[in-house]
Amino acid sequence: MLIVKLCYCETVKNITLSLADDVYLAARIRAAERGTSVSALVGEYLVSLVASETEFTRLEGQQRRVQNRIERFSARDRLDRDEIHRRAVR
């Protein structure tokens, strides 16, 4: 049996969660299936949440930069339906 002991290389914070009994039991089962702890599952989730928000913020900034480069836009400059279909056939 291989026992791995993790050590934190940086300061960590403890938090307290309140969960319904059935949710806690399901989380313990899921953690056991993965060979980890409920604390590690929560930590992984929070890391992924922060990463996805960071990615969202990056994409939002990229969208703003692209929109700011558009100097002028007029809806009447759009192609009509027939022209779009003629172009698609080519």
C-alpha atoms as a PDB file:
ATOM      1  CA  MET A   1       0.000   0.000   0.000  1.00  0.00           C
ATOM      2  CA  LEU A   2       1.400   3.384  -1.028  1.00  0.00           C
ATOM      3  CA  ILE A   3       0.743   6.214   1.393  1.00  0.00           C
ATOM      4  CA  VAL A   4       1.271   9.710   0.098  1.00  0.00           C
ATOM      5  CA  LYS A   5       1.462  12.580   2.547  1.00  0.00           C
ATOM      6  CA  LEU A   6       0.893  16.016   1.136  1.00  0.00           C
ATOM      7  CA  CYS A   7       2.569  19.074   2.534  1.00  0.00           C
ATOM      8  CA  TYR A   8       1.587  22.623   1.760  1.00  0.00           C
ATOM      9  CA  CYS A   9       4.360  24.798   0.365  1.00  0.00           C
ATOM     10  CA  GLU A  10       2.382  27.938   1.053  1.00  0.00           C
ATOM     11  CA  THR A  11       0.042  29.209   3.720  1.00  0.00           C
ATOM     12  CA  VAL A  12      -3.453  27.746   3.544  1.00  0.00           C
ATOM     13  CA  LYS A  13      -6.693  28.912   5.133  1.00  0.00           C
ATOM     14  CA  ASN A  14      -9.214  26.709   6.889  1.00  0.00           C
ATOM     15  CA  ILE A  15     -12.901  27.216   6.202  1.00  0.00           C
ATOM     16  CA  THR A  16     -16.033  25.759   7.750  1.00  0.00           C
ATOM     17  CA  LEU A  17     -18.929  24.566   5.597  1.00  0.00           C
ATOM     18  CA  SER A  18     -22.463  23.684   6.607  1.00  0.00           C
ATOM     19  CA  LEU A  19     -23.964  20.919   4.498  1.00  0.00           C
ATOM     20  CA  ALA A  20     -27.049  18.778   4.630  1.00  0.00           C
ATOM     21  CA  ASP A  21     -26.254  15.268   5.897  1.00  0.00           C
ATOM     22  CA  ASP A  22     -27.089  13.610   2.585  1.00  0.00           C
ATOM     23  CA  VAL A  23     -24.833  16.000   0.655  1.00  0.00           C
ATOM     24  CA  TYR A  24     -21.959  15.418   3.074  1.00  0.00           C
ATOM     25  CA  LEU A  25     -22.378  11.636   2.861  1.00  0.00           C
ATOM     26  CA  ALA A  26     -22.449  11.733  -0.951  1.00  0.00           C
ATOM     27  CA  ALA A  27     -19.330  13.935  -0.948  1.00  0.00           C
ATOM     28  CA  ARG A  28     -17.511  11.505   1.378  1.00  0.00           C
ATOM     29  CA  ILE A  29     -18.412   8.611  -0.915  1.00  0.00           C
ATOM     30  CA  ARG A  30     -17.252  10.520  -4.004  1.00  0.00           C
ATOM     31  CA  ALA A  31     -14.010  11.482  -2.262  1.00  0.00           C
ATOM     32  CA  ALA A  32     -13.391   7.866  -1.219  1.00  0.00           C
ATOM     33  CA  GLU A  33     -13.976   6.694  -4.800  1.00  0.00           C
ATOM     34  CA  ARG A  34     -11.315   9.141  -5.939  1.00  0.00           C
ATOM     35  CA  GLY A  35      -8.970   8.300  -3.094  1.00  0.00           C
ATOM     36  CA  THR A  36      -9.043  11.803  -1.687  1.00  0.00           C
ATOM     37  CA  SER A  37     -10.819  13.846   0.986  1.00  0.00           C
ATOM     38  CA  VAL A  38     -13.891  16.053   0.997  1.00  0.00           C
ATOM     39  CA  SER A  39     -11.582  18.957   1.775  1.00  0.00           C
ATOM     40  CA  ALA A  40      -9.515  18.209  -1.339  1.00  0.00           C
ATOM     41  CA  LEU A  41     -12.685  17.977  -3.460  1.00  0.00           C
ATOM     42  CA  VAL A  42     -13.863  21.364  -2.221  1.00  0.00           C
ATOM     43  CA  GLY A  43     -10.390  22.797  -2.813  1.00  0.00           C
ATOM     44  CA  GLU A  44     -10.306  21.456  -6.396  1.00  0.00           C
ATOM     45  CA  TYR A  45     -13.738  22.913  -7.049  1.00  0.00           C
ATOM     46  CA  LEU A  46     -12.758  26.344  -5.743  1.00  0.00           C
ATOM     47  CA  VAL A  47      -9.567  26.341  -7.816  1.00  0.00           C
ATOM     48  CA  SER A  48     -11.562  25.471 -10.947  1.00  0.00           C
ATOM     49  CA  LEU A  49     -14.107  28.169 -10.101  1.00  0.00           C
ATOM     50  CA  VAL A  50     -11.404  30.824  -9.805  1.00  0.00           C
ATOM     51  CA  ALA A  51      -9.722  29.588 -13.004  1.00  0.00           C
ATOM     52  CA  SER A  52     -12.981  29.722 -14.977  1.00  0.00           C
ATOM     53  CA  GLU A  53     -13.696  33.244 -13.713  1.00  0.00           C
ATOM     54  CA  THR A  54     -10.186  34.251 -14.705  1.00  0.00           C
ATOM     55  CA  GLU A  55     -10.751  32.774 -18.175  1.00  0.00           C
ATOM     56  CA  PHE A  56     -14.112  34.550 -18.402  1.00  0.00           C
ATOM     57  CA  THR A  57     -12.494  37.848 -17.429  1.00  0.00           C
ATOM     58  CA  ARG A  58      -9.777  37.336 -20.052  1.00  0.00           C
ATOM     59  CA  LEU A  59     -12.330  36.620 -22.783  1.00  0.00           C
ATOM     60  CA  GLU A  60     -14.475  39.553 -21.689  1.00  0.00           C
ATOM     61  CA  GLY A  61     -11.459  41.862 -22.006  1.00  0.00           C
ATOM     62  CA  GLN A  62     -10.641  40.442 -25.415  1.00  0.00           C
ATOM     63  CA  GLN A  63     -14.215  41.073 -26.556  1.00  0.00           C
ATOM     64  CA  ARG A  64     -14.063  44.681 -25.321  1.00  0.00           C
ATOM     65  CA  ARG A  65     -10.790  45.283 -27.186  1.00  0.00           C
ATOM     66  CA  VAL A  66     -12.248  43.915 -30.433  1.00  0.00           C
ATOM     67  CA  GLN A  67     -15.415  45.988 -30.036  1.00  0.00           C
ATOM     68  CA  ASN A  68     -13.380  49.134 -29.360  1.00  0.00           C
ATOM     69  CA  ARG A  69     -11.547  48.657 -32.685  1.00  0.00           C
ATOM     70  CA  ILE A  70     -14.831  48.839 -34.595  1.00  0.00           C
ATOM     71  CA  GLU A  71     -14.958  52.411 -35.784  1.00  0.00           C
ATOM     72  CA  ARG A  72     -18.378  52.485 -37.278  1.00  0.00           C
ATOM     73  CA  PHE A  73     -21.290  50.114 -37.668  1.00  0.00           C
ATOM     74  CA  SER A  74     -24.586  50.514 -39.421  1.00  0.00           C
ATOM     75  CA  ALA A  75     -27.240  47.811 -39.572  1.00  0.00           C
ATOM     76  CA  ARG A  76     -28.339  49.003 -43.000  1.00  0.00           C
ATOM     77  CA  ASP A  77     -24.899  48.079 -44.383  1.00  0.00           C
ATOM     78  CA  ARG A  78     -25.750  44.429 -43.842  1.00  0.00           C
ATOM     79  CA  LEU A  79     -26.419  42.103 -46.736  1.00  0.00           C
ATOM     80  CA  ASP A  80     -29.987  41.208 -47.450  1.00  0.00           C
ATOM     81  CA  ARG A  81     -31.176  37.611 -47.194  1.00  0.00           C
ATOM     82  CA  ASP A  82     -30.937  36.895 -50.939  1.00  0.00           C
ATOM     83  CA  GLU A  83     -27.358  38.202 -51.154  1.00  0.00           C
ATOM     84  CA  ILE A  84     -26.320  36.018 -48.219  1.00  0.00           C
ATOM     85  CA  HIS A  85     -27.762  32.946 -49.950  1.00  0.00           C
ATOM     86  CA  ARG A  86     -26.129  33.841 -53.290  1.00  0.00           C
ATOM     87  CA  ARG A  87     -22.735  34.123 -51.545  1.00  0.00           C
ATOM     88  CA  ALA A  88     -23.237  30.822 -49.749  1.00  0.00           C
ATOM     89  CA  VAL A  89     -23.891  28.984 -53.050  1.00  0.00           C
ATOM     90  CA  ARG A  90     -20.570  30.061 -54.587  1.00  0.00           C
END
